[in-house]
């Protein structure tokens, strides 16, 4: 059996892996908090968030706090399932690859 066959290509990026990890343990997180936690630039983070959104793994909520825009992100059911599958594939690879 191919040890990497069940890994999800979308999560190969360390930034997308980080975003999904943060969202798995938080109901929702805003853009600036994600940027600080992952220590990435606005453009880099936005690009990776866009990829996750296009694949249906995260939801984007745009709103305002006073006059400032506030964009928050949350994991979708499909995203949670896909990420858990990816983690299970990693665990299987670690345990059974010799």
N, C-alpha and C. Protein backbone atom coordinates (compact mmCIF):
# COMPACT_ATOMS: atom_id res chain seq x y z
N UNK A 1 0.84 -1.19 0.00
CA UNK A 1 0.00 0.00 0.00
C UNK A 1 0.88 1.25 0.00
N UNK A 2 0.49 2.23 -0.76
CA UNK A 2 1.22 3.49 -0.86
C UNK A 2 1.03 4.28 0.45
N UNK A 3 2.10 4.54 1.19
CA UNK A 3 1.96 5.21 2.49
C UNK A 3 1.47 6.66 2.40
N UNK A 4 1.62 7.29 1.24
CA UNK A 4 1.19 8.68 1.13
C UNK A 4 -0.11 8.83 0.34
N UNK A 5 -0.68 7.73 -0.08
CA UNK A 5 -1.87 7.75 -0.94
C UNK A 5 -3.09 8.42 -0.33
N UNK A 6 -3.24 8.35 0.99
CA UNK A 6 -4.43 8.92 1.62
C UNK A 6 -4.21 10.33 2.20
N UNK A 7 -3.03 10.88 1.98
CA UNK A 7 -2.78 12.25 2.44
C UNK A 7 -3.52 13.23 1.52
N UNK A 8 -4.04 14.29 2.10
CA UNK A 8 -4.79 15.30 1.35
C UNK A 8 -3.83 16.38 0.87
N UNK A 9 -3.72 16.54 -0.45
CA UNK A 9 -2.79 17.51 -1.03
C UNK A 9 -3.03 18.94 -0.56
N UNK A 10 -4.28 19.28 -0.27
CA UNK A 10 -4.61 20.64 0.18
C UNK A 10 -3.87 20.97 1.47
N UNK A 11 -3.63 19.98 2.31
CA UNK A 11 -3.00 20.22 3.61
C UNK A 11 -1.48 20.05 3.59
N UNK A 12 -0.89 19.95 2.41
CA UNK A 12 0.57 19.84 2.32
C UNK A 12 1.26 21.14 2.72
N UNK A 13 0.59 22.26 2.53
CA UNK A 13 1.16 23.55 2.91
C UNK A 13 1.15 23.70 4.43
N UNK A 14 2.26 24.12 4.98
CA UNK A 14 2.33 24.29 6.44
C UNK A 14 1.37 25.37 6.93
N UNK A 15 1.11 26.37 6.08
CA UNK A 15 0.20 27.44 6.49
C UNK A 15 -1.24 26.92 6.53
N UNK A 16 -1.65 26.17 5.50
CA UNK A 16 -3.00 25.60 5.52
C UNK A 16 -3.16 24.58 6.64
N UNK A 17 -2.10 23.83 6.91
CA UNK A 17 -2.11 22.89 8.04
C UNK A 17 -2.28 23.66 9.35
N UNK A 18 -1.60 24.77 9.47
CA UNK A 18 -1.72 25.61 10.66
C UNK A 18 -3.10 26.21 10.81
N UNK A 19 -3.66 26.73 9.72
CA UNK A 19 -5.01 27.31 9.76
C UNK A 19 -6.01 26.27 10.22
N UNK A 20 -5.95 25.09 9.62
CA UNK A 20 -6.91 24.03 9.97
C UNK A 20 -6.74 23.60 11.43
N UNK A 21 -5.52 23.52 11.90
CA UNK A 21 -5.26 23.15 13.29
C UNK A 21 -5.87 24.16 14.25
N UNK A 22 -5.69 25.45 13.95
CA UNK A 22 -6.25 26.51 14.79
C UNK A 22 -7.77 26.44 14.77
N UNK A 23 -8.35 26.25 13.59
CA UNK A 23 -9.81 26.24 13.48
C UNK A 23 -10.45 24.98 14.06
N UNK A 24 -9.70 23.90 14.15
CA UNK A 24 -10.23 22.67 14.77
C UNK A 24 -10.52 22.88 16.25
N UNK A 25 -9.78 23.77 16.89
CA UNK A 25 -9.92 23.95 18.34
C UNK A 25 -10.55 25.29 18.74
N UNK A 26 -10.96 26.08 17.75
CA UNK A 26 -11.63 27.36 18.00
C UNK A 26 -12.87 27.44 17.12
N UNK A 27 -13.98 27.93 17.67
CA UNK A 27 -15.20 28.06 16.88
C UNK A 27 -15.00 28.95 15.67
N UNK A 28 -14.38 30.09 15.88
CA UNK A 28 -14.02 30.97 14.77
C UNK A 28 -12.86 31.86 15.20
N UNK A 29 -12.08 32.27 14.21
CA UNK A 29 -10.90 33.09 14.47
C UNK A 29 -10.86 34.19 13.42
N UNK A 30 -10.50 35.42 13.84
CA UNK A 30 -10.44 36.49 12.85
C UNK A 30 -9.08 36.51 12.13
N UNK A 31 -9.06 37.24 11.04
CA UNK A 31 -7.89 37.27 10.15
C UNK A 31 -6.64 37.70 10.90
N UNK A 32 -6.72 38.78 11.66
CA UNK A 32 -5.52 39.29 12.34
C UNK A 32 -4.99 38.32 13.38
N UNK A 33 -5.89 37.64 14.10
CA UNK A 33 -5.43 36.64 15.08
C UNK A 33 -4.74 35.47 14.38
N UNK A 34 -5.31 35.02 13.26
CA UNK A 34 -4.66 33.94 12.50
C UNK A 34 -3.29 34.38 12.01
N UNK A 35 -3.22 35.60 11.51
CA UNK A 35 -1.95 36.13 11.00
C UNK A 35 -0.89 36.16 12.09
N UNK A 36 -1.28 36.60 13.30
CA UNK A 36 -0.33 36.66 14.42
C UNK A 36 0.07 35.25 14.87
N UNK A 37 -0.90 34.36 15.00
CA UNK A 37 -0.61 33.00 15.46
C UNK A 37 0.35 32.27 14.52
N UNK A 38 0.15 32.45 13.22
CA UNK A 38 0.94 31.72 12.23
C UNK A 38 2.16 32.49 11.75
N UNK A 39 2.25 33.77 12.15
CA UNK A 39 3.38 34.61 11.78
C UNK A 39 3.62 34.64 10.27
N UNK A 40 2.56 35.02 9.54
CA UNK A 40 2.62 35.12 8.08
C UNK A 40 2.15 36.49 7.64
N UNK A 41 2.42 36.83 6.38
CA UNK A 41 1.99 38.11 5.83
C UNK A 41 0.51 38.06 5.45
N UNK A 42 -0.08 39.24 5.30
CA UNK A 42 -1.49 39.33 4.89
C UNK A 42 -1.74 38.58 3.58
N UNK A 43 -0.93 38.87 2.58
CA UNK A 43 -1.12 38.26 1.26
C UNK A 43 -0.97 36.76 1.26
N UNK A 44 0.03 36.29 1.98
CA UNK A 44 0.28 34.85 2.06
C UNK A 44 -0.89 34.15 2.74
N UNK A 45 -1.34 34.68 3.86
CA UNK A 45 -2.46 34.08 4.58
C UNK A 45 -3.73 34.13 3.74
N UNK A 46 -4.00 35.26 3.12
CA UNK A 46 -5.21 35.41 2.31
C UNK A 46 -5.25 34.39 1.18
N UNK A 47 -4.12 34.15 0.56
CA UNK A 47 -4.03 33.17 -0.53
C UNK A 47 -4.39 31.76 -0.03
N UNK A 48 -3.84 31.38 1.10
CA UNK A 48 -4.11 30.05 1.65
C UNK A 48 -5.55 29.91 2.16
N UNK A 49 -6.08 30.98 2.75
CA UNK A 49 -7.47 30.96 3.20
C UNK A 49 -8.41 30.80 2.01
N UNK A 50 -8.07 31.46 0.92
CA UNK A 50 -8.87 31.37 -0.30
C UNK A 50 -8.91 29.93 -0.82
N UNK A 51 -7.76 29.26 -0.81
CA UNK A 51 -7.70 27.86 -1.25
C UNK A 51 -8.58 26.98 -0.37
N UNK A 52 -8.51 27.18 0.94
CA UNK A 52 -9.33 26.38 1.85
C UNK A 52 -10.82 26.67 1.64
N UNK A 53 -11.16 27.93 1.41
CA UNK A 53 -12.56 28.29 1.17
C UNK A 53 -13.05 27.68 -0.15
N UNK A 54 -12.26 27.77 -1.20
CA UNK A 54 -12.64 27.22 -2.51
C UNK A 54 -12.89 25.72 -2.44
N UNK A 55 -12.19 25.03 -1.54
CA UNK A 55 -12.36 23.59 -1.39
C UNK A 55 -13.47 23.23 -0.40
N UNK A 56 -14.12 24.25 0.16
CA UNK A 56 -15.25 24.00 1.06
C UNK A 56 -14.83 23.60 2.47
N UNK A 57 -13.58 23.86 2.84
CA UNK A 57 -13.08 23.44 4.14
C UNK A 57 -13.27 24.49 5.23
N UNK A 58 -13.42 25.75 4.84
CA UNK A 58 -13.67 26.81 5.81
C UNK A 58 -14.80 27.71 5.31
N UNK A 59 -15.46 28.38 6.26
CA UNK A 59 -16.48 29.40 5.97
C UNK A 59 -15.90 30.75 6.34
N UNK A 60 -16.28 31.76 5.58
CA UNK A 60 -15.81 33.12 5.81
C UNK A 60 -16.99 33.98 6.21
N UNK A 61 -16.83 34.73 7.29
CA UNK A 61 -17.86 35.65 7.76
C UNK A 61 -17.28 37.06 7.74
N UNK A 62 -17.92 37.93 6.98
CA UNK A 62 -17.46 39.32 6.90
C UNK A 62 -18.45 40.20 7.65
N UNK A 63 -17.92 41.04 8.52
CA UNK A 63 -18.77 41.93 9.29
C UNK A 63 -18.00 43.17 9.69
N UNK A 64 -18.57 43.90 10.61
CA UNK A 64 -17.94 45.14 11.08
C UNK A 64 -17.92 45.16 12.59
N UNK A 65 -16.86 45.74 13.13
CA UNK A 65 -16.80 46.10 14.55
C UNK A 65 -16.63 47.61 14.53
N UNK A 66 -17.70 48.32 14.83
CA UNK A 66 -17.69 49.76 14.63
C UNK A 66 -17.63 50.02 13.14
N UNK A 67 -16.63 50.76 12.73
CA UNK A 67 -16.46 51.05 11.30
C UNK A 67 -15.40 50.18 10.64
N UNK A 68 -14.74 49.35 11.43
CA UNK A 68 -13.68 48.50 10.89
C UNK A 68 -14.25 47.16 10.43
N UNK A 69 -13.76 46.71 9.29
CA UNK A 69 -14.19 45.39 8.82
C UNK A 69 -13.59 44.32 9.72
N UNK A 70 -14.32 43.25 9.90
CA UNK A 70 -13.85 42.13 10.70
C UNK A 70 -14.21 40.84 9.96
N UNK A 71 -13.20 40.13 9.51
CA UNK A 71 -13.41 38.88 8.79
C UNK A 71 -13.00 37.73 9.70
N UNK A 72 -13.92 36.80 9.91
CA UNK A 72 -13.63 35.63 10.73
C UNK A 72 -13.80 34.37 9.89
N UNK A 73 -13.17 33.32 10.37
CA UNK A 73 -13.15 32.05 9.66
C UNK A 73 -13.54 30.93 10.61
N UNK A 74 -14.25 29.95 10.07
CA UNK A 74 -14.64 28.77 10.85
C UNK A 74 -14.50 27.54 9.95
N UNK A 75 -14.27 26.41 10.55
CA UNK A 75 -14.14 25.17 9.80
C UNK A 75 -15.54 24.65 9.44
N UNK A 76 -15.67 24.07 8.27
CA UNK A 76 -16.94 23.46 7.86
C UNK A 76 -16.94 21.99 8.28
N UNK A 77 -18.10 21.37 8.21
CA UNK A 77 -18.19 19.94 8.50
C UNK A 77 -17.30 19.15 7.54
N UNK A 78 -17.34 19.52 6.27
CA UNK A 78 -16.50 18.85 5.27
C UNK A 78 -15.02 19.07 5.58
N UNK A 79 -14.67 20.28 6.03
CA UNK A 79 -13.29 20.58 6.37
C UNK A 79 -12.81 19.77 7.56
N UNK A 80 -13.66 19.66 8.55
CA UNK A 80 -13.31 18.86 9.73
C UNK A 80 -13.10 17.40 9.35
N UNK A 81 -13.99 16.88 8.54
CA UNK A 81 -13.88 15.48 8.10
C UNK A 81 -12.60 15.26 7.29
N UNK A 82 -12.33 16.16 6.35
CA UNK A 82 -11.13 16.04 5.51
C UNK A 82 -9.85 16.15 6.34
N UNK A 83 -9.84 17.07 7.30
CA UNK A 83 -8.64 17.26 8.12
C UNK A 83 -8.41 16.06 9.03
N UNK A 84 -9.48 15.54 9.62
CA UNK A 84 -9.35 14.34 10.45
C UNK A 84 -8.84 13.15 9.62
N UNK A 85 -9.32 13.06 8.38
CA UNK A 85 -8.85 12.00 7.48
C UNK A 85 -7.37 12.15 7.18
N UNK A 86 -6.93 13.38 6.98
CA UNK A 86 -5.52 13.66 6.71
C UNK A 86 -4.66 13.28 7.93
N UNK A 87 -5.12 13.66 9.11
CA UNK A 87 -4.38 13.33 10.34
C UNK A 87 -4.31 11.81 10.54
N UNK A 88 -5.41 11.13 10.26
CA UNK A 88 -5.45 9.66 10.38
C UNK A 88 -4.46 9.03 9.40
N UNK A 89 -4.39 9.57 8.18
CA UNK A 89 -3.45 9.06 7.18
C UNK A 89 -2.01 9.28 7.63
N UNK A 90 -1.73 10.44 8.24
CA UNK A 90 -0.39 10.70 8.78
C UNK A 90 -0.04 9.71 9.88
N UNK A 91 -0.98 9.49 10.79
CA UNK A 91 -0.75 8.55 11.88
C UNK A 91 -0.51 7.14 11.34
N UNK A 92 -1.30 6.73 10.36
CA UNK A 92 -1.14 5.41 9.77
C UNK A 92 0.23 5.29 9.11
N UNK A 93 0.64 6.31 8.40
CA UNK A 93 1.92 6.32 7.73
C UNK A 93 3.06 6.17 8.74
N UNK A 94 2.96 6.89 9.86
CA UNK A 94 4.00 6.84 10.88
C UNK A 94 4.05 5.44 11.53
N UNK A 95 2.90 4.87 11.81
CA UNK A 95 2.85 3.57 12.50
C UNK A 95 3.26 2.40 11.62
N UNK A 96 2.89 2.45 10.35
CA UNK A 96 2.99 1.23 9.55
C UNK A 96 4.02 1.28 8.42
N UNK A 97 4.72 2.37 8.26
CA UNK A 97 5.73 2.44 7.22
C UNK A 97 7.06 1.99 7.81
N UNK A 98 7.59 0.95 7.22
CA UNK A 98 8.89 0.40 7.69
C UNK A 98 9.83 0.23 6.54
